[in-house]
PDB file of N, CA and C in Angstrom:
ATOM      1  N   MET A   1       0.830  -1.173   0.000  1.00  0.00           N
ATOM      2  CA  MET A   1       0.000   0.000   0.000  1.00  0.00           C
ATOM      3  C   MET A   1       0.877   1.239   0.000  1.00  0.00           C
ATOM      4  N   ASN A   2       1.281   1.601  -1.148  1.00  0.00           N
ATOM      5  CA  ASN A   2       2.099   2.785  -1.315  1.00  0.00           C
ATOM      6  C   ASN A   2       1.206   3.960  -1.685  1.00  0.00           C
ATOM      7  N   ASN A   3       1.132   4.944  -0.805  1.00  0.00           N
ATOM      8  CA  ASN A   3       0.313   6.116  -1.084  1.00  0.00           C
ATOM      9  C   ASN A   3       1.065   7.053  -2.019  1.00  0.00           C
ATOM     10  N   PRO A   4       0.390   7.560  -3.033  1.00  0.00           N
ATOM     11  CA  PRO A   4       1.062   8.515  -3.924  1.00  0.00           C
ATOM     12  C   PRO A   4       1.287   9.840  -3.190  1.00  0.00           C
ATOM     13  N   PRO A   5       2.347  10.562  -3.529  1.00  0.00           N
ATOM     14  CA  PRO A   5       2.610  11.845  -2.857  1.00  0.00           C
ATOM     15  C   PRO A   5       1.518  12.868  -3.191  1.00  0.00           C
ATOM     16  N   ILE A   6       1.255  13.717  -2.240  1.00  0.00           N
ATOM     17  CA  ILE A   6       0.254  14.755  -2.436  1.00  0.00           C
ATOM     18  C   ILE A   6       0.923  15.940  -3.123  1.00  0.00           C
ATOM     19  N   ILE A   7       0.359  16.336  -4.234  1.00  0.00           N
ATOM     20  CA  ILE A   7       0.899  17.463  -4.979  1.00  0.00           C
ATOM     21  C   ILE A   7       0.187  18.729  -4.501  1.00  0.00           C
ATOM     22  N   LYS A   8       0.974  19.683  -4.059  1.00  0.00           N
ATOM     23  CA  LYS A   8       0.392  20.916  -3.547  1.00  0.00           C
ATOM     24  C   LYS A   8       0.456  21.992  -4.630  1.00  0.00           C
ATOM     25  N   ASP A   9      -0.708  22.442  -5.037  1.00  0.00           N
ATOM     26  CA  ASP A   9      -0.777  23.529  -5.994  1.00  0.00           C
ATOM     27  C   ASP A   9      -1.229  24.800  -5.268  1.00  0.00           C
ATOM     28  N   GLU A  10      -1.497  25.863  -6.017  1.00  0.00           N
ATOM     29  CA  GLU A  10      -1.894  27.132  -5.410  1.00  0.00           C
ATOM     30  C   GLU A  10      -3.211  27.013  -4.657  1.00  0.00           C
ATOM     31  N   ARG A  11      -4.151  26.257  -5.199  1.00  0.00           N
ATOM     32  CA  ARG A  11      -5.449  26.091  -4.549  1.00  0.00           C
ATOM     33  C   ARG A  11      -5.294  25.388  -3.205  1.00  0.00           C
ATOM     34  N   THR A  12      -4.492  24.343  -3.173  1.00  0.00           N
ATOM     35  CA  THR A  12      -4.271  23.613  -1.925  1.00  0.00           C
ATOM     36  C   THR A  12      -3.627  24.514  -0.886  1.00  0.00           C
ATOM     37  N   ARG A  13      -2.632  25.278  -1.300  1.00  0.00           N
ATOM     38  CA  ARG A  13      -1.950  26.165  -0.368  1.00  0.00           C
ATOM     39  C   ARG A  13      -2.901  27.258   0.143  1.00  0.00           C
ATOM     40  N   THR A  14      -3.773  27.767  -0.713  1.00  0.00           N
ATOM     41  CA  THR A  14      -4.737  28.785  -0.306  1.00  0.00           C
ATOM     42  C   THR A  14      -5.716  28.230   0.712  1.00  0.00           C
ATOM     43  N   ILE A  15      -6.183  27.022   0.486  1.00  0.00           N
ATOM     44  CA  ILE A  15      -7.118  26.401   1.424  1.00  0.00           C
ATOM     45  C   ILE A  15      -6.434  26.122   2.761  1.00  0.00           C
ATOM     46  N   GLU A  16      -5.185  25.664   2.728  1.00  0.00           N
ATOM     47  CA  GLU A  16      -4.449  25.441   3.970  1.00  0.00           C
ATOM     48  C   GLU A  16      -4.281  26.745   4.742  1.00  0.00           C
ATOM     49  N   ASP A  17      -3.906  27.806   4.042  1.00  0.00           N
ATOM     50  CA  ASP A  17      -3.732  29.095   4.712  1.00  0.00           C
ATOM     51  C   ASP A  17      -5.038  29.594   5.309  1.00  0.00           C
ATOM     52  N   ALA A  18      -6.149  29.402   4.598  1.00  0.00           N
ATOM     53  CA  ALA A  18      -7.455  29.813   5.124  1.00  0.00           C
ATOM     54  C   ALA A  18      -7.801  29.019   6.383  1.00  0.00           C
ATOM     55  N   SER A  19      -7.474  27.736   6.397  1.00  0.00           N
ATOM     56  CA  SER A  19      -7.768  26.931   7.584  1.00  0.00           C
ATOM     57  C   SER A  19      -6.908  27.366   8.765  1.00  0.00           C
ATOM     58  N   TYR A  20      -5.648  27.728   8.507  1.00  0.00           N
ATOM     59  CA  TYR A  20      -4.797  28.221   9.585  1.00  0.00           C
ATOM     60  C   TYR A  20      -5.329  29.539  10.130  1.00  0.00           C
ATOM     61  N   ARG A  21      -5.850  30.386   9.240  1.00  0.00           N
ATOM     62  CA  ARG A  21      -6.401  31.678   9.663  1.00  0.00           C
ATOM     63  C   ARG A  21      -7.606  31.470  10.572  1.00  0.00           C
ATOM     64  N   VAL A  22      -8.471  30.518  10.219  1.00  0.00           N
ATOM     65  CA  VAL A  22      -9.647  30.234  11.050  1.00  0.00           C
ATOM     66  C   VAL A  22      -9.205  29.727  12.426  1.00  0.00           C
ATOM     67  N   GLY A  23      -8.248  28.816  12.445  1.00  0.00           N
ATOM     68  CA  GLY A  23      -7.749  28.295  13.713  1.00  0.00           C
ATOM     69  C   GLY A  23      -7.095  29.377  14.563  1.00  0.00           C
ATOM     70  N   PHE A  24      -6.311  30.235  13.933  1.00  0.00           N
ATOM     71  CA  PHE A  24      -5.663  31.343  14.635  1.00  0.00           C
ATOM     72  C   PHE A  24      -6.705  32.275  15.249  1.00  0.00           C
ATOM     73  N   ASN A  25      -7.752  32.605  14.488  1.00  0.00           N
ATOM     74  CA  ASN A  25      -8.797  33.487  15.003  1.00  0.00           C
ATOM     75  C   ASN A  25      -9.534  32.856  16.176  1.00  0.00           C
ATOM     76  N   ILE A  26      -9.829  31.566  16.085  1.00  0.00           N
ATOM     77  CA  ILE A  26     -10.516  30.889  17.186  1.00  0.00           C
ATOM     78  C   ILE A  26      -9.667  30.911  18.449  1.00  0.00           C
ATOM     79  N   ILE A  27      -8.386  30.633  18.302  1.00  0.00           N
ATOM     80  CA  ILE A  27      -7.511  30.626  19.480  1.00  0.00           C
ATOM     81  C   ILE A  27      -7.385  32.024  20.077  1.00  0.00           C
ATOM     82  N   CYS A  28      -7.158  33.034  19.232  1.00  0.00           N
ATOM     83  CA  CYS A  28      -6.969  34.396  19.754  1.00  0.00           C
ATOM     84  C   CYS A  28      -8.232  34.933  20.408  1.00  0.00           C
ATOM     85  N   TYR A  29      -9.370  34.791  19.739  1.00  0.00           N
ATOM     86  CA  TYR A  29     -10.605  35.303  20.347  1.00  0.00           C
ATOM     87  C   TYR A  29     -11.015  34.469  21.556  1.00  0.00           C
ATOM     88  N   GLY A  30     -10.737  33.185  21.529  1.00  0.00           N
ATOM     89  CA  GLY A  30     -11.001  32.361  22.706  1.00  0.00           C
ATOM     90  C   GLY A  30     -10.165  32.807  23.888  1.00  0.00           C
ATOM     91  N   LEU A  31      -8.896  33.131  23.632  1.00  0.00           N
ATOM     92  CA  LEU A  31      -8.043  33.630  24.707  1.00  0.00           C
ATOM     93  C   LEU A  31      -8.535  34.978  25.228  1.00  0.00           C
ATOM     94  N   LEU A  32      -8.996  35.841  24.335  1.00  0.00           N
ATOM     95  CA  LEU A  32      -9.508  37.136  24.787  1.00  0.00           C
ATOM     96  C   LEU A  32     -10.763  36.983  25.633  1.00  0.00           C
ATOM     97  N   VAL A  33     -11.649  36.078  25.248  1.00  0.00           N
ATOM     98  CA  VAL A  33     -12.846  35.819  26.059  1.00  0.00           C
ATOM     99  C   VAL A  33     -12.443  35.238  27.404  1.00  0.00           C
ATOM    100  N   ASP A  34     -11.484  34.316  27.391  1.00  0.00           N
ATOM    101  CA  ASP A  34     -10.984  33.734  28.635  1.00  0.00           C
ATOM    102  C   ASP A  34     -10.358  34.808  29.522  1.00  0.00           C
ATOM    103  N   LEU A  35      -9.620  35.727  28.922  1.00  0.00           N
ATOM    104  CA  LEU A  35      -9.044  36.837  29.685  1.00  0.00           C
ATOM    105  C   LEU A  35     -10.128  37.660  30.362  1.00  0.00           C
ATOM    106  N   PHE A  36     -11.174  37.963  29.610  1.00  0.00           N
ATOM    107  CA  PHE A  36     -12.260  38.776  30.162  1.00  0.00           C
ATOM    108  C   PHE A  36     -12.907  38.077  31.358  1.00  0.00           C
ATOM    109  N   PHE A  37     -13.279  36.801  31.182  1.00  0.00           N
ATOM    110  CA  PHE A  37     -13.966  36.108  32.269  1.00  0.00           C
ATOM    111  C   PHE A  37     -13.058  35.879  33.463  1.00  0.00           C
ATOM    112  N   ARG A  38     -11.785  35.592  33.228  1.00  0.00           N
ATOM    113  CA  ARG A  38     -10.877  35.426  34.363  1.00  0.00           C
ATOM    114  C   ARG A  38     -10.693  36.726  35.126  1.00  0.00           C
ATOM    115  N   SER A  39     -10.603  37.833  34.395  1.00  0.00           N
ATOM    116  CA  SER A  39     -10.409  39.102  35.100  1.00  0.00           C
ATOM    117  C   SER A  39     -11.665  39.523  35.852  1.00  0.00           C
ATOM    118  N   VAL A  40     -12.841  39.131  35.379  1.00  0.00           N
ATOM    119  CA  VAL A  40     -14.086  39.475  36.072  1.00  0.00           C
ATOM    120  C   VAL A  40     -14.329  38.529  37.245  1.00  0.00           C
ATOM    121  N   LEU A  41     -14.178  37.229  37.013  1.00  0.00           N
ATOM    122  CA  LEU A  41     -14.492  36.247  38.058  1.00  0.00           C
ATOM    123  C   LEU A  41     -13.390  36.109  39.101  1.00  0.00           C
ATOM    124  N   TYR A  42     -12.144  36.275  38.694  1.00  0.00           N
ATOM    125  CA  TYR A  42     -11.008  36.129  39.611  1.00  0.00           C
ATOM    126  C   TYR A  42     -10.147  37.392  39.537  1.00  0.00           C
ATOM    127  N   PRO A  43     -10.578  38.467  40.162  1.00  0.00           N
ATOM    128  CA  PRO A  43      -9.851  39.744  40.013  1.00  0.00           C
ATOM    129  C   PRO A  43      -8.452  39.745  40.630  1.00  0.00           C
ATOM    130  N   ASN A  44      -8.149  38.809  41.508  1.00  0.00           N
ATOM    131  CA  ASN A  44      -6.834  38.786  42.138  1.00  0.00           C
ATOM    132  C   ASN A  44      -5.796  38.025  41.325  1.00  0.00           C
ATOM    133  N   GLU A  45      -6.229  37.338  40.263  1.00  0.00           N
ATOM    134  CA  GLU A  45      -5.288  36.591  39.425  1.00  0.00           C
ATOM    135  C   GLU A  45      -4.785  37.461  38.290  1.00  0.00           C
ATOM    136  N   SER A  46      -3.542  37.263  37.942  1.00  0.00           N
ATOM    137  CA  SER A  46      -2.957  38.002  36.832  1.00  0.00           C
ATOM    138  C   SER A  46      -3.238  37.260  35.525  1.00  0.00           C
ATOM    139  N   VAL A  47      -3.664  37.999  34.513  1.00  0.00           N
ATOM    140  CA  VAL A  47      -3.958  37.382  33.221  1.00  0.00           C
ATOM    141  C   VAL A  47      -3.033  37.923  32.127  1.00  0.00           C
ATOM    142  N   TRP A  48      -1.941  38.558  32.522  1.00  0.00           N
ATOM    143  CA  TRP A  48      -1.050  39.160  31.535  1.00  0.00           C
ATOM    144  C   TRP A  48      -0.343  38.122  30.686  1.00  0.00           C
ATOM    145  N   ASP A  49      -0.126  36.927  31.221  1.00  0.00           N
ATOM    146  CA  ASP A  49       0.547  35.895  30.437  1.00  0.00           C
ATOM    147  C   ASP A  49      -0.302  35.484  29.234  1.00  0.00           C
ATOM    148  N   LEU A  50      -1.612  35.349  29.437  1.00  0.00           N
ATOM    149  CA  LEU A  50      -2.485  35.004  28.317  1.00  0.00           C
ATOM    150  C   LEU A  50      -2.606  36.166  27.331  1.00  0.00           C
ATOM    151  N   PHE A  51      -2.659  37.379  27.858  1.00  0.00           N
ATOM    152  CA  PHE A  51      -2.743  38.543  26.989  1.00  0.00           C
ATOM    153  C   PHE A  51      -1.470  38.668  26.156  1.00  0.00           C
ATOM    154  N   ALA A  52      -0.335  38.340  26.742  1.00  0.00           N
ATOM    155  CA  ALA A  52       0.930  38.383  26.003  1.00  0.00           C
ATOM    156  C   ALA A  52       0.920  37.379  24.845  1.00  0.00           C
ATOM    157  N   LEU A  53       0.293  36.223  25.037  1.00  0.00           N
ATOM    158  CA  LEU A  53       0.184  35.255  23.952  1.00  0.00           C
ATOM    159  C   LEU A  53      -0.582  35.822  22.761  1.00  0.00           C
ATOM    160  N   VAL A  54      -1.665  36.533  23.036  1.00  0.00           N
ATOM    161  CA  VAL A  54      -2.459  37.127  21.960  1.00  0.00           C
ATOM    162  C   VAL A  54      -1.647  38.202  21.239  1.00  0.00           C
ATOM    163  N   VAL A  55      -0.978  39.062  21.992  1.00  0.00           N
ATOM    164  CA  VAL A  55      -0.214  40.155  21.391  1.00  0.00           C
ATOM    165  C   VAL A  55       0.973  39.620  20.595  1.00  0.00           C
ATOM    166  N   ILE A  56       1.693  38.664  21.145  1.00  0.00           N
ATOM    167  CA  ILE A  56       2.861  38.111  20.458  1.00  0.00           C
ATOM    168  C   ILE A  56       2.456  37.388  19.183  1.00  0.00           C
ATOM    169  N   SER A  57       1.339  36.679  19.209  1.00  0.00           N
ATOM    170  CA  SER A  57       0.903  35.986  17.993  1.00  0.00           C
ATOM    171  C   SER A  57       0.508  36.983  16.910  1.00  0.00           C
ATOM    172  N   GLY A  58      -0.086  38.100  17.302  1.00  0.00           N
ATOM    173  CA  GLY A  58      -0.401  39.146  16.320  1.00  0.00           C
ATOM    174  C   GLY A  58       0.855  39.778  15.741  1.00  0.00           C
ATOM    175  N   PHE A  59       1.838  40.043  16.600  1.00  0.00           N
ATOM    176  CA  PHE A  59       3.097  40.600  16.113  1.00  0.00           C
ATOM    177  C   PHE A  59       3.814  39.624  15.184  1.00  0.00           C
ATOM    178  N   ALA A  60       3.764  38.344  15.519  1.00  0.00           N
ATOM    179  CA  ALA A  60       4.458  37.349  14.704  1.00  0.00           C
ATOM    180  C   ALA A  60       3.889  37.305  13.290  1.00  0.00           C
ATOM    181  N   SER A  61       2.576  37.323  13.165  1.00  0.00           N
ATOM    182  CA  SER A  61       1.989  37.281  11.828  1.00  0.00           C
ATOM    183  C   SER A  61       2.252  38.579  11.069  1.00  0.00           C
ATOM    184  N   THR A  62       2.264  39.710  11.762  1.00  0.00           N
ATOM    185  CA  THR A  62       2.551  40.983  11.110  1.00  0.00           C
ATOM    186  C   THR A  62       4.003  41.043  10.637  1.00  0.00           C
ATOM    187  N   ILE A  63       4.923  40.580  11.456  1.00  0.00           N
ATOM    188  CA  ILE A  63       6.336  40.571  11.066  1.00  0.00           C
ATOM    189  C   ILE A  63       6.555  39.638   9.873  1.00  0.00           C
ATOM    190  N   TYR A  64       5.896  38.494   9.884  1.00  0.00           N
ATOM    191  CA  TYR A  64       6.001  37.560   8.764  1.00  0.00           C
ATOM    192  C   TYR A  64       5.515  38.203   7.470  1.00  0.00           C
ATOM    193  N   GLN A  65       4.389  38.897   7.538  1.00  0.00           N
ATOM    194  CA  GLN A  65       3.860  39.570   6.348  1.00  0.00           C
ATOM    195  C   GLN A  65       4.773  40.709   5.914  1.00  0.00           C
ATOM    196  N   ALA A  66       5.360  41.417   6.858  1.00  0.00           N
ATOM    197  CA  ALA A  66       6.268  42.514   6.508  1.00  0.00           C
ATOM    198  C   ALA A  66       7.522  41.984   5.817  1.00  0.00           C
ATOM    199  N   ARG A  67       8.038  40.857   6.286  1.00  0.00           N
ATOM    200  CA  ARG A  67       9.227  40.275   5.659  1.00  0.00           C
ATOM    201  C   ARG A  67       8.960  39.832   4.222  1.00  0.00           C
ATOM    202  N   HIS A  68       7.736  39.414   3.967  1.00  0.00           N
ATOM    203  CA  HIS A  68       7.382  38.961   2.620  1.00  0.00           C
ATOM    204  C   HIS A  68       6.705  40.062   1.804  1.00  0.00           C
ATOM    205  N   LYS A  69       6.696  41.282   2.354  1.00  0.00           N
ATOM    206  CA  LYS A  69       6.177  42.470   1.660  1.00  0.00           C
ATOM    207  C   LYS A  69       4.740  42.290   1.165  1.00  0.00           C
ATOM    208  N   THR A  70       3.874  41.795   2.060  1.00  0.00           N
ATOM    209  CA  THR A  70       2.468  41.610   1.705  1.00  0.00           C
ATOM    210  C   THR A  70       1.542  42.514   2.515  1.00  0.00           C
ATOM    211  N   LEU A  71       2.106  43.459   3.264  1.00  0.00           N
ATOM    212  CA  LEU A  71       1.269  44.383   4.029  1.00  0.00           C
ATOM    213  C   LEU A  71       0.656  45.423   3.097  1.00  0.00           C
ATOM    214  N   PRO A  72      -0.530  45.934   3.448  1.00  0.00           N
ATOM    215  CA  PRO A  72      -1.148  46.989   2.639  1.00  0.00           C
ATOM    216  C   PRO A  72      -0.257  48.238   2.590  1.00  0.00           C
ATOM    217  N   PRO A  73      -0.475  49.113   1.614  1.00  0.00           N
ATOM    218  CA  PRO A  73       0.419  50.272   1.428  1.00  0.00           C
ATOM    219  C   PRO A  73       0.522  51.204   2.640  1.00  0.00           C
ATOM    220  N   HIS A  74      -0.568  51.509   3.301  1.00  0.00           N
ATOM    221  CA  HIS A  74      -0.542  52.462   4.420  1.00  0.00           C
ATOM    222  C   HIS A  74      -0.793  51.751   5.743  1.00  0.00           C
ATOM    223  N   PHE A  75      -0.184  50.611   5.917  1.00  0.00           N
ATOM    224  CA  PHE A  75      -0.433  49.786   7.099  1.00  0.00           C
ATOM    225  C   PHE A  75       0.027  50.487   8.381  1.00  0.00           C
ATOM    226  N   LEU A  76       1.233  51.013   8.386  1.00  0.00           N
ATOM    227  CA  LEU A  76       1.758  51.630   9.612  1.00  0.00           C
ATOM    228  C   LEU A  76       0.947  52.849  10.021  1.00  0.00           C
ATOM    229  N   ARG A  77       0.545  53.663   9.050  1.00  0.00           N
ATOM    230  CA  ARG A  77      -0.275  54.831   9.374  1.00  0.00           C
ATOM    231  C   ARG A  77      -1.631  54.404   9.940  1.00  0.00           C
ATOM    232  N   SER A  78      -2.220  53.378   9.343  1.00  0.00           N
ATOM    233  CA  SER A  78      -3.510  52.887   9.830  1.00  0.00           C
ATOM    234  C   SER A  78      -3.395  52.342  11.247  1.00  0.00           C
ATOM    235  N   MET A  79      -2.326  51.607  11.535  1.00  0.00           N
ATOM    236  CA  MET A  79      -2.136  51.049  12.871  1.00  0.00           C
ATOM    237  C   MET A  79      -1.868  52.148  13.892  1.00  0.00           C
ATOM    238  N   LEU A  80      -1.176  53.191  13.487  1.00  0.00           N
ATOM    239  CA  LEU A  80      -0.939  54.310  14.396  1.00  0.00           C
ATOM    240  C   LEU A  80      -2.250  55.012  14.728  1.00  0.00           C
ATOM    241  N   ILE A  81      -3.070  55.272  13.728  1.00  0.00           N
ATOM    242  CA  ILE A  81      -4.377  55.904  13.964  1.00  0.00           C
ATOM    243  C   ILE A  81      -5.240  55.015  14.844  1.00  0.00           C
ATOM    244  N   LEU A  82      -5.251  53.711  14.569  1.00  0.00           N
ATOM    245  CA  LEU A  82      -6.029  52.780  15.382  1.00  0.00           C
ATOM    246  C   LEU A  82      -5.529  52.753  16.823  1.00  0.00           C
ATOM    247  N   GLY A  83      -4.219  52.759  17.009  1.00  0.00           N
ATOM    248  CA  GLY A  83      -3.656  52.749  18.360  1.00  0.00           C
ATOM    249  C   GLY A  83      -4.032  53.979  19.154  1.00  0.00           C
ATOM    250  N   VAL A  84      -3.973  55.146  18.512  1.00  0.00           N
ATOM    251  CA  VAL A  84      -4.351  56.383  19.192  1.00  0.00           C
ATOM    252  C   VAL A  84      -5.840  56.365  19.536  1.00  0.00           C
ATOM    253  N   ALA A  85      -6.670  55.895  18.599  1.00  0.00           N
ATOM    254  CA  ALA A  85      -8.112  55.839  18.851  1.00  0.00           C
ATOM    255  C   ALA A  85      -8.437  54.885  19.999  1.00  0.00           C
ATOM    256  N   VAL A  86      -7.790  53.748  20.042  1.00  0.00           N
ATOM    257  CA  VAL A  86      -8.028  52.782  21.119  1.00  0.00           C
ATOM    258  C   VAL A  86      -7.554  53.349  22.457  1.00  0.00           C
ATOM    259  N   ALA A  87      -6.413  54.039  22.450  1.00  0.00           N
ATOM    260  CA  ALA A  87      -5.913  54.636  23.692  1.00  0.00           C
ATOM    261  C   ALA A  87      -6.881  55.695  24.212  1.00  0.00           C
ATOM    262  N   LEU A  88      -7.403  56.537  23.318  1.00  0.00           N
ATOM    263  CA  LEU A  88      -8.361  57.559  23.741  1.00  0.00           C
ATOM    264  C   LEU A  88      -9.658  56.937  24.253  1.00  0.00           C
ATOM    265  N   LEU A  89     -10.137  55.926  23.561  1.00  0.00           N
ATOM    266  CA  LEU A  89     -11.356  55.242  23.998  1.00  0.00           C
ATOM    267  C   LEU A  89     -11.151  54.560  25.348  1.00  0.00           C
ATOM    268  N   SER A  90     -10.004  53.946  25.536  1.00  0.00           N
ATOM    269  CA  SER A  90      -9.706  53.298  26.813  1.00  0.00           C
ATOM    270  C   SER A  90      -9.624  54.311  27.942  1.00  0.00           C
ATOM    271  N   ALA A  91      -8.985  55.439  27.675  1.00  0.00           N
ATOM    272  CA  ALA A  91      -8.887  56.481  28.704  1.00  0.00           C
ATOM    273  C   ALA A  91     -10.269  57.010  29.062  1.00  0.00           C
ATOM    274  N   ALA A  92     -11.125  57.215  28.080  1.00  0.00           N
ATOM    275  CA  ALA A  92     -12.482  57.689  28.345  1.00  0.00           C
ATOM    276  C   ALA A  92     -13.267  56.658  29.148  1.00  0.00           C
ATOM    277  N   LEU A  93     -13.107  55.385  28.810  1.00  0.00           N
ATOM    278  CA  LEU A  93     -13.799  54.323  29.531  1.00  0.00           C
ATOM    279  C   LEU A  93     -13.337  54.238  30.980  1.00  0.00           C
ATOM    280  N   VAL A  94     -12.047  54.359  31.211  1.00  0.00           N
ATOM    281  CA  VAL A  94     -11.526  54.344  32.578  1.00  0.00           C
ATOM    282  C   VAL A  94     -12.057  55.545  33.351  1.00  0.00           C
ATOM    283  N   PHE A  95     -12.107  56.710  32.718  1.00  0.00           N
ATOM    284  CA  PHE A  95     -12.636  57.907  33.368  1.00  0.00           C
ATOM    285  C   PHE A  95     -14.086  57.707  33.773  1.00  0.00           C
ATOM    286  N   VAL A  96     -14.907  57.151  32.884  1.00  0.00           N
ATOM    287  CA  VAL A  96     -16.323  56.925  33.177  1.00  0.00           C
ATOM    288  C   VAL A  96     -16.483  55.905  34.303  1.00  0.00           C
ATOM    289  N   ILE A  97     -15.708  54.838  34.253  1.00  0.00           N
ATOM    290  CA  ILE A  97     -15.798  53.806  35.299  1.00  0.00           C
ATOM    291  C   ILE A  97     -15.416  54.390  36.651  1.00  0.00           C
ATOM    292  N   LEU A  98     -14.366  55.196  36.700  1.00  0.00           N
ATOM    293  CA  LEU A  98     -13.952  55.795  37.973  1.00  0.00           C
ATOM    294  C   LEU A  98     -14.984  56.785  38.492  1.00  0.00           C
ATOM    295  N   LYS A  99     -15.642  57.502  37.604  1.00  0.00           N
ATOM    296  CA  LYS A  99     -16.706  58.432  38.017  1.00  0.00           C
ATOM    297  C   LYS A  99     -17.869  57.673  38.635  1.00  0.00           C
ATOM    298  N   PHE A 100     -18.292  56.565  37.967  1.00  0.00           N
ATOM    299  CA  PHE A 100     -19.413  55.785  38.497  1.00  0.00           C
ATOM    300  C   PHE A 100     -19.034  55.066  39.780  1.00  0.00           C
ATOM    301  N   ARG A 101     -17.803  54.707  39.930  1.00  0.00           N
ATOM    302  CA  ARG A 101     -17.370  54.027  41.142  1.00  0.00           C
ATOM    303  C   ARG A 101     -17.446  54.968  42.343  1.00  0.00           C
ATOM    304  N   LYS A 102     -17.191  56.248  42.137  1.00  0.00           N
ATOM    305  CA  LYS A 102     -17.282  57.221  43.220  1.00  0.00           C
ATOM    306  C   LYS A 102     -18.727  57.458  43.626  1.00  0.00           C
ATOM    307  N   ILE A 103     -19.649  57.352  42.682  1.00  0.00           N
ATOM    308  CA  ILE A 103     -21.071  57.577  42.969  1.00  0.00           C
ATOM    309  C   ILE A 103     -21.620  56.450  43.841  1.00  0.00           C
ATOM    310  N   TRP A 104     -21.231  55.215  43.568  1.00  0.00           N
ATOM    311  CA  TRP A 104     -21.776  54.082  44.328  1.00  0.00           C
ATOM    312  C   TRP A 104     -21.076  53.990  45.605  1.00  0.00           C
TER     313      TRP A 104
END
């Protein structure tokens, strides 16, 4: 029973990459949901190790794409704008939470 070798063409590689993307998204979003519930249910436990896994995996895929020159043309500018927007939104959310905490 000699199995013939599997020939990988562009379609096969595209389907494999799509399956890896789905798996990566499930793991990352699952970790983020786990982070949320752990921080709510167990406030004394540190969840930075899991958060670091999500951040490092995102950086790894971005660095890989940058090395192969497949990033969109204005990627860095878009990420900078997104980072500033997220920082401002986070600061506003913390301000609102602290205001409501003083009321109760």
